[in-house]
Amino acid sequence: MSLTVADLAGPGMTEFQEQLRLQHEKTMHEELEKLLQSSTGPEAQISKKDFEGFRSIFHRFLQRKGPSVEWSKIQRPPEDLILSYEKIKAQGRPEGITSSLNKLVVLKLNGGLGTSMGCKGPKSLISVSNDNTFLDLTVQQIEHLNKTFNADVPLVLMNSFNTDEDTKKILQKYTHHRVKIHTFNQSRYPRINKESLLPIASDLGMKGANADAWYPPGHGDIYASFHNSGLLDTLLAQGKEYVFVSNIDNLGATVDLSILHHLMSQPASRRCEFIMEVTNKTRSDVKGGTLIQYEDHLRLLEIAQVPKDHVDEFKSVTKFKIFNTNNLWISLPAIKRLQQENTLDLEIIVNPKSLDGGLNVIQLETAVGAAIKCFDNALGVNVPRSRFLPVKTSSDLLLVMSNLYSLEAGSLTMSKRREFPSTPHVKLGSSFTKPWRLTGRLTSPYTSPGTQVQDFLKRFENIPDMLELDHLTVSGDVTFGKNVSLKGTVIIIANHGDRIDIPAGAVLENKIVSGNLRILDH
């Protein structure tokens, strides 16, 4: 008899369930050993280390006894634990910036693919601004810091098995830049059958029948993988003290000298080991994780942890006013201490997936921000929205490619010509996100040859003027000519079978365009 997810959902375990759990843990151990014995190469040694982490998270998964938080115990964080960015910045630019920068490491989470934007390969290699990729912009930002302040801030990339090979190939182009670049790989865990809770992999290979058998276990894996790679010890030996962690697709996540100074200026006895940048929640952020006070500690509360009866309350922008940007400043010595003590306790995220063949599997993951409760003197800093500029979809990409943003030294900032600071709401339909092979108007945003790119690029002769845009919705087969200007609220809807060509030089201000409009060559 096998133990399923449903068997583990109750508030406690009966003796029978406990016996099933022990049996299942034994069976999992045997299956993992079989996988390790299927290869004698270097991958077997790497997988052996990965499987140690997987066994730990699987053991904790089997021990689960209901929700990880009691809703009645949740409190708003005290004001002195969520600092105002304006107050930190008001302290002025500190002296000794070079010394502080020399103790900093920048780490970008680089494990994701560009599939949500219609691309194959690492998302970091998609071109987003003036033919610069996410990775190009990151390197430019850090090189600018190092040159301006004569500092030595290294860049670390946490890759996954999905992104490592392509990323390492492209790193050669930065050989002569003033940035030292290091990489390490996050773990590779086996996907498990939702019913049997056993691995679906037949061996350690990643091709053929095993192509969908593995997954990177979320960015919470950073602590163990960083430590196990040996790179953490290397950086500590070089005198590094803090790491600034962020998603590589968040173009607002640049090194902030005011936050860095605040960290470095604390007395040793009260040194803050963890800062999470949060920002004010809007209607589009209702699912984002928030900071709470729970049992005398700051804690990250994700929507997956919220009981169903309280989901609407969690989404409220009045009760939970801030959300996690995933821009994190973390003490390197503290990471080493917690890893050695084995005291990092991250909530498990059970991520269900349905594979192409219809097989239902689950992935056991963790989030990097969930560790905030384990660090001493942890704080939140409420930062401006400009520090949260994620590019997750083609709609986001259209925004950052437009004249709404100016690029300087690798950093994107809202154009001074825009009269109000809010970002327009853009919603592009499925016609703009289907993959296609590049034959059209704009250059590919992806650097790898033969790669599929977003269909929306061929739909623009050039990116429209969006400086005065508030809202844009586009649905159906729509194309844009050169030098189109969009202002106010613009809605363009081409019905199924119809096509709309917005002519060159058109100015659409507070307009709804529908039906069929074709501009034919003659």
Protein backbone atom coordinates (compact mmCIF):
# COMPACT_ATOMS: atom_id res chain seq x y z
CA MET A 1 0.00 0.00 0.00
CA SER A 2 1.40 3.41 -0.93
CA LEU A 3 1.17 6.75 0.82
CA THR A 4 -0.27 9.61 -1.23
CA VAL A 5 -0.50 13.38 -0.79
CA ALA A 6 -4.06 12.96 0.45
CA ASP A 7 -2.89 10.62 3.21
CA LEU A 8 -0.60 13.36 4.54
CA ALA A 9 -3.16 16.15 4.62
CA GLY A 10 -4.69 15.48 8.03
CA PRO A 11 -3.92 17.38 11.24
CA GLY A 12 -2.04 14.43 12.74
CA MET A 13 -0.78 10.94 11.94
CA THR A 14 -2.26 7.71 13.13
CA GLU A 15 0.03 4.80 13.95
CA PHE A 16 -0.96 3.25 10.62
CA GLN A 17 -0.03 6.42 8.73
CA GLU A 18 3.29 6.57 10.58
CA GLN A 19 4.09 3.03 9.47
CA LEU A 20 3.21 3.94 5.90
CA ARG A 21 5.45 6.99 6.13
CA LEU A 22 8.42 4.97 7.37
CA GLN A 23 7.88 2.39 4.65
CA HIS A 24 7.67 5.05 2.00
CA GLU A 25 10.85 6.75 3.19
CA LYS A 26 12.64 3.41 2.97
CA THR A 27 11.32 2.81 -0.55
CA MET A 28 12.40 6.30 -1.64
CA HIS A 29 15.91 5.64 -0.29
CA GLU A 30 16.09 2.40 -2.30
CA GLU A 31 14.89 4.12 -5.50
CA LEU A 32 17.44 6.92 -5.14
CA GLU A 33 20.22 4.36 -4.64
CA LYS A 34 19.15 2.61 -7.86
CA LEU A 35 19.35 5.91 -9.71
CA LEU A 36 22.86 6.57 -8.36
CA GLN A 37 24.00 3.10 -9.43
CA SER A 38 22.81 3.75 -12.99
CA SER A 39 25.88 5.92 -13.63
CA THR A 40 29.54 5.79 -12.62
CA GLY A 41 30.54 9.15 -14.06
CA PRO A 42 31.00 12.55 -12.35
CA GLU A 43 27.24 13.12 -12.48
CA ALA A 44 26.80 10.29 -9.95
CA GLN A 45 28.92 12.14 -7.38
CA ILE A 46 27.06 15.39 -8.00
CA SER A 47 23.70 13.63 -7.78
CA LYS A 48 24.72 11.92 -4.55
CA LYS A 49 25.14 15.34 -2.93
CA ASP A 50 21.89 16.58 -4.48
CA PHE A 51 20.01 13.55 -3.22
CA GLU A 52 21.11 14.29 0.35
CA GLY A 53 19.20 17.55 0.11
CA PHE A 54 16.25 15.84 -1.56
CA ARG A 55 16.05 13.18 1.15
CA SER A 56 15.90 15.93 3.76
CA ILE A 57 13.09 17.86 2.06
CA PHE A 58 11.20 14.63 1.31
CA HIS A 59 11.48 13.58 4.96
CA ARG A 60 10.07 16.93 6.08
CA PHE A 61 7.33 16.69 3.46
CA LEU A 62 6.22 13.33 4.87
CA GLN A 63 6.19 14.82 8.38
CA ARG A 64 3.80 17.64 7.47
CA LYS A 65 0.79 17.86 9.75
CA GLY A 66 -1.39 20.56 8.22
CA PRO A 67 -0.81 24.29 7.61
CA SER A 68 2.62 25.69 8.49
CA VAL A 69 1.07 28.76 10.14
CA GLU A 70 -1.84 29.31 12.50
CA TRP A 71 -3.81 32.25 11.16
CA SER A 72 -4.71 33.52 14.62
CA LYS A 73 -1.01 33.97 15.47
CA ILE A 74 -0.27 36.20 12.48
CA GLN A 75 0.49 39.83 13.34
CA ARG A 76 1.58 42.86 11.40
CA PRO A 77 5.32 43.49 11.69
CA PRO A 78 6.32 46.19 14.22
CA GLU A 79 7.13 49.51 12.57
CA ASP A 80 10.74 49.38 13.73
CA LEU A 81 11.28 46.15 11.74
CA ILE A 82 10.05 47.61 8.41
CA LEU A 83 12.29 50.58 7.71
CA SER A 84 11.43 53.42 5.38
CA TYR A 85 13.83 53.63 2.44
CA GLU A 86 13.49 57.42 2.46
CA LYS A 87 14.84 57.57 6.02
CA ILE A 88 17.78 55.36 5.12
CA LYS A 89 18.56 57.44 2.04
CA ALA A 90 18.25 60.69 4.02
CA GLN A 91 21.39 59.74 5.92
CA GLY A 92 23.28 60.89 2.86
CA ARG A 93 26.03 59.25 0.83
CA PRO A 94 28.50 57.73 3.27
CA GLU A 95 32.25 57.95 3.26
CA GLY A 96 34.22 54.81 2.64
CA ILE A 97 31.95 53.52 -0.14
CA THR A 98 34.83 51.61 -1.72
CA SER A 99 35.52 49.76 1.51
CA SER A 100 31.87 48.77 1.82
CA LEU A 101 31.62 47.68 -1.82
CA ASN A 102 34.72 45.53 -1.43
CA LYS A 103 32.81 43.49 1.17
CA LEU A 104 29.84 42.92 -1.15
CA VAL A 105 28.96 40.14 -3.58
CA VAL A 106 26.14 40.40 -6.14
CA LEU A 107 24.32 37.13 -6.79
CA LYS A 108 21.74 36.72 -9.53
CA LEU A 109 19.26 33.85 -9.62
CA ASN A 110 19.85 32.52 -13.13
CA GLY A 111 18.10 29.15 -13.16
CA GLY A 112 15.06 30.06 -15.24
CA LEU A 113 14.25 29.53 -18.89
CA GLY A 114 12.49 32.03 -21.15
CA THR A 115 9.53 29.76 -21.88
CA SER A 116 6.95 32.21 -20.49
CA MET A 117 8.10 34.68 -23.15
CA GLY A 118 8.16 32.20 -26.02
CA CYS A 119 11.90 31.55 -25.91
CA LYS A 120 14.07 28.51 -25.47
CA GLY A 121 17.23 28.67 -23.38
CA PRO A 122 18.23 30.81 -20.39
CA LYS A 123 15.98 33.79 -19.81
CA SER A 124 19.04 35.91 -18.93
CA LEU A 125 20.14 35.80 -22.58
CA ILE A 126 17.01 37.50 -23.92
CA SER A 127 17.67 40.99 -25.27
CA VAL A 128 15.60 43.56 -23.38
CA SER A 129 16.98 47.03 -24.04
CA ASN A 130 19.09 48.39 -26.91
CA ASP A 131 20.18 44.84 -27.83
CA ASN A 132 21.41 44.27 -24.27
CA THR A 133 20.43 41.04 -22.53
CA PHE A 134 19.54 40.73 -18.85
CA LEU A 135 23.06 39.42 -18.29
CA ASP A 136 24.65 42.26 -20.29
CA LEU A 137 22.85 44.83 -18.15
CA THR A 138 23.91 43.11 -14.93
CA VAL A 139 27.57 43.07 -15.97
CA GLN A 140 27.40 46.73 -17.05
CA GLN A 141 25.91 47.75 -13.69
CA ILE A 142 28.61 46.06 -11.64
CA GLU A 143 31.43 47.16 -13.93
CA HIS A 144 30.20 50.75 -13.56
CA LEU A 145 30.32 50.42 -9.76
CA ASN A 146 33.80 48.92 -9.83
CA LYS A 147 35.16 51.63 -12.13
CA THR A 148 33.42 54.55 -10.42
CA PHE A 149 34.53 53.62 -6.90
CA ASN A 150 37.68 51.62 -7.73
CA ALA A 151 36.04 48.61 -6.08
CA ASP A 152 36.02 44.84 -6.55
CA VAL A 153 32.41 43.64 -6.50
CA PRO A 154 32.16 40.14 -8.03
CA LEU A 155 29.12 38.73 -9.81
CA VAL A 156 27.89 35.26 -8.92
CA LEU A 157 25.33 33.41 -11.03
CA MET A 158 23.30 30.58 -9.54
CA ASN A 159 22.56 28.48 -12.61
CA SER A 160 20.41 25.38 -12.95
CA PHE A 161 21.03 22.32 -15.11
CA ASN A 162 18.69 24.05 -17.59
CA THR A 163 20.85 27.16 -17.97
CA ASP A 164 24.43 26.27 -16.99
CA GLU A 165 25.85 25.17 -20.34
CA ASP A 166 24.46 28.05 -22.42
CA THR A 167 25.37 30.60 -19.75
CA LYS A 168 28.99 29.45 -19.51
CA LYS A 169 29.37 29.72 -23.28
CA ILE A 170 28.24 33.34 -23.27
CA LEU A 171 30.42 34.35 -20.28
CA GLN A 172 33.48 34.38 -22.54
CA LYS A 173 32.31 37.72 -23.98
CA TYR A 174 32.88 39.40 -20.59
CA THR A 175 36.52 38.33 -20.22
CA HIS A 176 37.84 41.89 -20.57
CA HIS A 177 35.19 43.56 -18.40
CA ARG A 178 36.10 44.78 -14.93
CA VAL A 179 33.93 42.19 -13.21
CA LYS A 180 34.95 38.83 -11.79
CA ILE A 181 32.21 36.33 -12.61
CA HIS A 182 31.65 33.08 -10.72
CA THR A 183 28.99 30.42 -11.21
CA PHE A 184 27.63 27.49 -9.28
CA ASN A 185 24.74 25.15 -9.93
CA GLN A 186 21.67 24.68 -7.81
CA SER A 187 20.61 21.12 -7.09
CA ARG A 188 18.84 18.73 -9.44
CA TYR A 189 15.95 16.92 -7.74
CA PRO A 190 13.76 14.11 -9.09
CA ARG A 191 10.12 14.80 -9.85
CA ILE A 192 7.90 12.34 -8.03
CA ASN A 193 4.68 10.66 -9.07
CA LYS A 194 1.76 12.33 -7.31
CA GLU A 195 0.13 8.99 -6.49
CA SER A 196 3.08 6.74 -5.61
CA LEU A 197 5.38 9.54 -4.34
CA LEU A 198 8.31 7.82 -6.08
CA PRO A 199 10.73 9.24 -8.68
CA ILE A 200 9.62 9.00 -12.29
CA ALA A 201 13.25 8.89 -13.52
CA SER A 202 14.65 5.55 -14.71
CA ASP A 203 18.30 6.66 -14.48
CA LEU A 204 20.38 9.83 -14.00
CA GLY A 205 20.11 10.83 -17.65
CA MET A 206 18.19 13.93 -18.75
CA LYS A 207 17.25 12.96 -22.31
CA GLY A 208 14.56 10.85 -23.91
CA ALA A 209 12.12 9.40 -21.40
CA ASN A 210 13.94 11.24 -18.59
CA ALA A 211 13.68 14.69 -20.16
CA ASP A 212 10.93 15.75 -17.75
CA ALA A 213 12.10 13.70 -14.76
CA TRP A 214 14.15 16.42 -13.04
CA TYR A 215 13.68 19.95 -11.73
CA PRO A 216 15.64 22.71 -9.96
CA PRO A 217 14.09 22.93 -6.46
CA GLY A 218 13.36 26.67 -6.22
CA HIS A 219 15.66 29.48 -5.19
CA GLY A 220 15.59 28.44 -1.53
CA ASP A 221 18.22 25.91 -2.60
CA ILE A 222 20.71 28.79 -2.78
CA TYR A 223 21.98 28.34 0.79
CA ALA A 224 22.96 24.67 0.52
CA SER A 225 24.23 24.88 -3.08
CA PHE A 226 26.27 28.04 -2.44
CA HIS A 227 27.83 26.40 0.63
CA ASN A 228 28.41 23.00 -0.99
CA SER A 229 30.04 24.52 -4.08
CA GLY A 230 32.96 25.84 -2.02
CA LEU A 231 32.41 29.32 -3.47
CA LEU A 232 30.99 30.66 -0.19
CA ASP A 233 34.22 29.79 1.64
CA THR A 234 36.29 31.32 -1.16
CA LEU A 235 34.44 34.63 -0.94
CA LEU A 236 34.61 34.70 2.86
CA ALA A 237 38.37 34.18 2.64
CA GLN A 238 38.51 37.25 0.37
CA GLY A 239 36.88 39.37 3.07
CA LYS A 240 33.37 39.45 1.61
CA GLU A 241 30.62 39.98 4.21
CA TYR A 242 27.28 40.44 2.43
CA VAL A 243 25.59 39.13 -0.69
CA PHE A 244 22.89 41.04 -2.58
CA VAL A 245 20.55 38.44 -4.08
CA SER A 246 17.90 39.13 -6.71
CA ASN A 247 16.16 37.64 -9.74
CA ILE A 248 18.10 38.33 -12.92
CA ASP A 249 14.87 39.38 -14.66
CA ASN A 250 14.18 42.17 -12.12
CA LEU A 251 15.68 45.16 -13.91
CA GLY A 252 15.12 47.37 -10.85
CA ALA A 253 17.36 45.25 -8.61
CA THR A 254 20.60 47.23 -8.66
CA VAL A 255 23.13 47.70 -5.86
CA ASP A 256 21.81 50.42 -3.56
CA LEU A 257 24.54 52.28 -1.71
CA SER A 258 22.18 53.58 1.00
CA ILE A 259 21.01 50.08 2.00
CA LEU A 260 24.59 48.80 1.85
CA HIS A 261 25.76 51.60 4.14
CA HIS A 262 22.94 50.89 6.59
CA LEU A 263 24.08 47.27 6.82
CA MET A 264 27.74 48.12 7.24
CA SER A 265 27.18 50.88 9.82
CA GLN A 266 25.47 48.70 12.43
CA PRO A 267 27.48 47.82 15.56
CA ALA A 268 28.80 44.26 15.56
CA SER A 269 26.56 43.30 18.48
CA ARG A 270 23.42 44.26 16.52
CA ARG A 271 24.59 43.53 12.99
CA CYS A 272 21.62 42.86 10.72
CA GLU A 273 22.02 39.49 8.98
CA PHE A 274 19.12 39.75 6.53
CA ILE A 275 17.28 42.57 4.79
CA MET A 276 14.28 41.90 2.56
CA GLU A 277 13.25 44.71 0.25
CA VAL A 278 9.48 45.06 0.19
CA THR A 279 7.29 47.53 -1.66
CA ASN A 280 3.69 48.66 -1.46
CA LYS A 281 1.19 46.20 -2.85
CA THR A 282 -1.11 47.09 -5.75
CA ARG A 283 -4.05 45.17 -7.22
CA SER A 284 -1.67 43.35 -9.55
CA ASP A 285 0.50 42.11 -6.66
CA VAL A 286 -2.18 40.45 -4.52
CA LYS A 287 -0.58 37.01 -4.77
CA GLY A 288 2.88 38.20 -3.73
CA GLY A 289 4.40 36.99 -0.46
CA THR A 290 4.26 39.42 2.46
CA LEU A 291 6.17 39.96 5.70
CA ILE A 292 4.42 39.15 8.97
CA GLN A 293 5.32 38.93 12.63
CA TYR A 294 4.94 35.33 13.79
CA GLU A 295 6.06 33.99 17.16
CA ASP A 296 8.40 36.97 17.71
CA HIS A 297 10.12 36.64 14.33
CA LEU A 298 9.77 38.31 10.96
CA ARG A 299 8.45 35.71 8.57
CA LEU A 300 7.60 35.50 4.88
CA LEU A 301 4.01 34.43 4.28
CA GLU A 302 3.33 33.01 0.81
CA ILE A 303 -0.14 32.49 -0.62
CA ALA A 304 0.48 28.72 -0.74
CA GLN A 305 0.66 28.72 3.08
CA VAL A 306 -2.65 30.54 3.53
CA PRO A 307 -5.70 28.48 4.56
CA LYS A 308 -8.42 28.62 1.87
CA ASP A 309 -10.78 30.47 4.21
CA HIS A 310 -8.31 33.36 4.48
CA VAL A 311 -7.07 33.72 0.88
CA ASP A 312 -9.26 36.78 0.20
CA GLU A 313 -7.97 38.36 3.41
CA PHE A 314 -4.38 37.65 2.32
CA LYS A 315 -5.02 39.35 -1.04
CA SER A 316 -6.35 42.47 0.66
CA VAL A 317 -4.22 45.55 0.02
CA THR A 318 -5.50 47.12 3.22
CA LYS A 319 -4.44 44.42 5.71
CA PHE A 320 -1.30 43.19 3.96
CA LYS A 321 0.09 46.35 2.40
CA ILE A 322 3.56 45.21 1.31
CA PHE A 323 5.02 42.32 -0.67
CA ASN A 324 8.41 40.73 -1.16
CA THR A 325 10.44 41.94 -4.16
CA ASN A 326 12.95 39.10 -3.68
CA ASN A 327 15.75 41.67 -3.44
CA LEU A 328 17.65 40.35 -0.42
CA TRP A 329 20.79 41.41 1.47
CA ILE A 330 22.22 38.49 3.44
CA SER A 331 25.23 38.03 5.72
CA LEU A 332 27.72 35.55 4.27
CA PRO A 333 29.12 34.44 7.67
CA ALA A 334 25.52 33.87 8.84
CA ILE A 335 24.81 31.63 5.84
CA LYS A 336 27.88 29.54 6.69
CA ARG A 337 26.89 29.35 10.37
CA LEU A 338 23.34 28.23 9.63
CA GLN A 339 24.51 25.66 7.10
CA GLN A 340 27.02 24.21 9.54
CA GLU A 341 24.42 24.10 12.30
CA ASN A 342 21.83 22.68 9.90
CA THR A 343 19.24 25.07 11.36
CA LEU A 344 17.76 26.58 8.19
CA ASP A 345 14.08 25.65 8.27
CA LEU A 346 12.35 26.65 5.02
CA GLU A 347 8.67 25.97 4.41
CA ILE A 348 8.10 23.40 1.67
CA ILE A 349 6.22 24.51 -1.43
CA VAL A 350 4.42 21.58 -3.06
CA ASN A 351 4.27 22.45 -6.75
CA PRO A 352 1.98 20.13 -8.77
CA LYS A 353 2.70 19.67 -12.48
CA SER A 354 1.01 17.77 -15.28
CA LEU A 355 3.46 16.43 -17.87
CA ASP A 356 2.74 16.21 -21.60
CA GLY A 357 1.69 12.57 -21.37
CA GLY A 358 -0.85 13.41 -18.66
CA LEU A 359 1.23 12.10 -15.74
CA ASN A 360 0.67 14.13 -12.57
CA VAL A 361 3.86 14.83 -10.63
CA ILE A 362 4.87 17.06 -7.73
CA GLN A 363 7.97 19.14 -7.11
CA LEU A 364 9.14 19.93 -3.59
CA GLU A 365 10.57 23.44 -3.55
CA THR A 366 11.65 26.19 -1.15
CA ALA A 367 11.91 29.99 -1.43
CA VAL A 368 15.03 31.99 -0.59
CA GLY A 369 13.09 34.65 1.35
CA ALA A 370 11.56 32.08 3.70
CA ALA A 371 14.89 31.94 5.54
CA ILE A 372 14.40 35.42 7.00
CA LYS A 373 13.06 33.91 10.24
CA CYS A 374 16.37 32.07 10.80
CA PHE A 375 18.67 35.12 10.71
CA ASP A 376 19.45 37.49 13.57
CA ASN A 377 18.21 41.10 13.58
CA ALA A 378 16.37 40.68 10.28
CA LEU A 379 14.66 43.72 8.78
CA GLY A 380 12.38 44.72 5.94
CA VAL A 381 13.00 47.91 3.97
CA ASN A 382 10.05 49.48 2.16
CA VAL A 383 11.61 50.56 -1.13
CA PRO A 384 10.21 52.55 -4.08
CA ARG A 385 8.38 50.60 -6.76
CA SER A 386 11.23 51.41 -9.15
CA ARG A 387 13.30 48.69 -7.46
CA PHE A 388 10.78 46.10 -8.62
CA LEU A 389 10.77 45.96 -12.42
CA PRO A 390 10.34 42.28 -13.31
CA VAL A 391 10.13 41.14 -16.91
CA LYS A 392 8.03 37.98 -16.82
CA THR A 393 5.92 38.29 -19.96
CA SER A 394 5.96 39.79 -23.44
CA SER A 395 3.81 42.62 -22.06
CA ASP A 396 6.57 43.46 -19.56
CA LEU A 397 9.18 43.26 -22.31
CA LEU A 398 7.27 45.74 -24.48
CA LEU A 399 7.33 48.24 -21.61
CA VAL A 400 11.08 48.06 -20.96
CA MET A 401 11.88 48.18 -24.70
CA SER A 402 9.86 51.41 -25.07
CA ASN A 403 10.79 55.05 -24.56
CA LEU A 404 9.28 54.87 -21.04
CA TYR A 405 12.74 53.90 -19.80
CA SER A 406 16.20 55.34 -20.21
CA LEU A 407 19.32 53.18 -20.05
CA GLU A 408 22.49 54.36 -18.34
CA ALA A 409 25.39 52.19 -17.17
CA GLY A 410 23.21 49.10 -17.35
CA SER A 411 20.40 50.56 -15.23
CA LEU A 412 16.90 51.34 -16.47
CA THR A 413 15.14 54.37 -15.04
CA MET A 414 11.76 55.88 -15.84
CA SER A 415 12.15 58.59 -18.47
CA LYS A 416 12.10 62.12 -17.07
CA ARG A 417 9.79 63.02 -19.96
CA ARG A 418 6.98 60.93 -18.41
CA GLU A 419 4.91 63.28 -16.30
CA PHE A 420 3.73 60.68 -13.76
CA PRO A 421 5.76 57.87 -12.16
CA SER A 422 3.27 55.00 -12.47
CA THR A 423 3.93 52.25 -15.01
CA PRO A 424 1.25 51.70 -17.67
CA HIS A 425 -0.77 48.49 -17.51
CA VAL A 426 -0.15 46.50 -20.70
CA LYS A 427 -1.93 43.29 -21.66
CA LEU A 428 -0.97 41.64 -24.92
CA GLY A 429 -3.05 38.73 -26.20
CA SER A 430 -1.88 35.25 -27.13
CA SER A 431 -1.03 36.30 -30.69
CA PHE A 432 1.88 38.25 -29.22
CA THR A 433 3.30 35.35 -27.23
CA LYS A 434 3.24 32.42 -29.66
CA PRO A 435 6.77 31.32 -30.66
CA TRP A 436 7.87 31.81 -34.25
CA ARG A 437 11.08 31.65 -36.24
CA LEU A 438 12.51 35.09 -36.83
CA THR A 439 11.63 36.40 -40.30
CA GLY A 440 10.11 39.75 -39.43
CA ARG A 441 10.73 43.29 -38.60
CA LEU A 442 12.73 43.68 -35.42
CA THR A 443 15.93 41.90 -34.53
CA SER A 444 15.79 38.80 -32.37
CA PRO A 445 15.82 39.45 -28.63
CA TYR A 446 17.60 36.16 -28.12
CA THR A 447 21.26 35.60 -28.85
CA SER A 448 21.35 31.87 -29.57
CA PRO A 449 21.10 30.91 -33.26
CA GLY A 450 17.89 29.27 -34.47
CA THR A 451 16.08 30.01 -31.24
CA GLN A 452 12.34 30.65 -31.18
CA VAL A 453 11.45 34.18 -30.15
CA GLN A 454 8.31 36.12 -29.33
CA ASP A 455 5.78 36.52 -32.08
CA PHE A 456 5.06 40.02 -30.88
CA LEU A 457 8.36 41.35 -32.25
CA LYS A 458 7.34 40.88 -35.87
CA ARG A 459 4.17 42.83 -35.12
CA PHE A 460 6.03 46.14 -34.61
CA GLU A 461 7.91 48.15 -37.24
CA ASN A 462 9.32 49.83 -34.14
CA ILE A 463 8.17 50.09 -30.53
CA PRO A 464 5.40 52.72 -30.17
CA ASP A 465 5.78 55.94 -28.19
CA MET A 466 4.28 55.12 -24.79
CA LEU A 467 5.28 58.14 -22.70
CA GLU A 468 1.67 59.19 -22.13
CA LEU A 469 0.12 55.73 -22.02
CA ASP A 470 -2.00 54.59 -19.05
CA HIS A 471 -3.48 51.31 -20.27
CA LEU A 472 -3.04 49.16 -23.36
CA THR A 473 -4.97 46.01 -24.24
CA VAL A 474 -4.32 44.25 -27.55
CA SER A 475 -6.11 41.09 -28.64
CA GLY A 476 -6.07 39.17 -31.89
CA ASP A 477 -4.09 39.65 -35.10
CA VAL A 478 -2.76 43.21 -34.74
CA THR A 479 0.35 44.89 -36.17
CA PHE A 480 1.87 48.35 -35.61
CA GLY A 481 3.53 50.54 -38.21
CA LYS A 482 6.44 52.91 -37.61
CA ASN A 483 6.25 55.79 -35.16
CA VAL A 484 2.87 54.95 -33.65
CA SER A 485 1.99 56.91 -30.50
CA LEU A 486 -0.24 55.48 -27.75
CA LYS A 487 -1.78 57.79 -25.13
CA GLY A 488 -4.27 57.37 -22.30
CA THR A 489 -6.31 54.16 -22.54
CA VAL A 490 -6.02 52.26 -25.82
CA ILE A 491 -7.89 49.03 -26.55
CA ILE A 492 -7.37 47.22 -29.87
CA ILE A 493 -9.37 44.07 -30.55
CA ALA A 494 -9.26 42.09 -33.80
CA ASN A 495 -11.94 39.43 -33.88
CA HIS A 496 -11.12 35.87 -34.91
CA GLY A 497 -10.33 35.84 -38.63
CA ASP A 498 -9.88 39.62 -38.80
CA ARG A 499 -6.67 41.64 -38.78
CA ILE A 500 -5.92 45.20 -37.74
CA ASP A 501 -2.86 47.08 -39.06
CA ILE A 502 -2.24 50.30 -37.13
CA PRO A 503 -0.81 52.64 -39.80
CA ALA A 504 2.57 54.36 -39.52
CA GLY A 505 2.46 57.66 -37.65
CA ALA A 506 -0.93 56.95 -36.07
CA VAL A 507 -1.73 58.67 -32.76
CA LEU A 508 -4.21 56.70 -30.64
CA GLU A 509 -5.43 58.58 -27.57
CA ASN A 510 -8.24 57.11 -25.46
CA LYS A 511 -9.38 54.97 -28.40
CA ILE A 512 -11.07 51.62 -28.88
CA VAL A 513 -10.20 50.03 -32.21
CA SER A 514 -12.06 46.92 -33.35
CA GLY A 515 -13.07 45.10 -36.50
CA ASN A 516 -10.81 44.72 -39.53
CA LEU A 517 -8.29 47.29 -40.77
CA ARG A 518 -5.74 46.22 -43.38
CA ILE A 519 -2.97 48.38 -44.80
CA LEU A 520 -1.91 46.78 -48.10
CA ASP A 521 1.29 47.38 -50.03
CA HIS A 522 0.83 48.65 -53.59
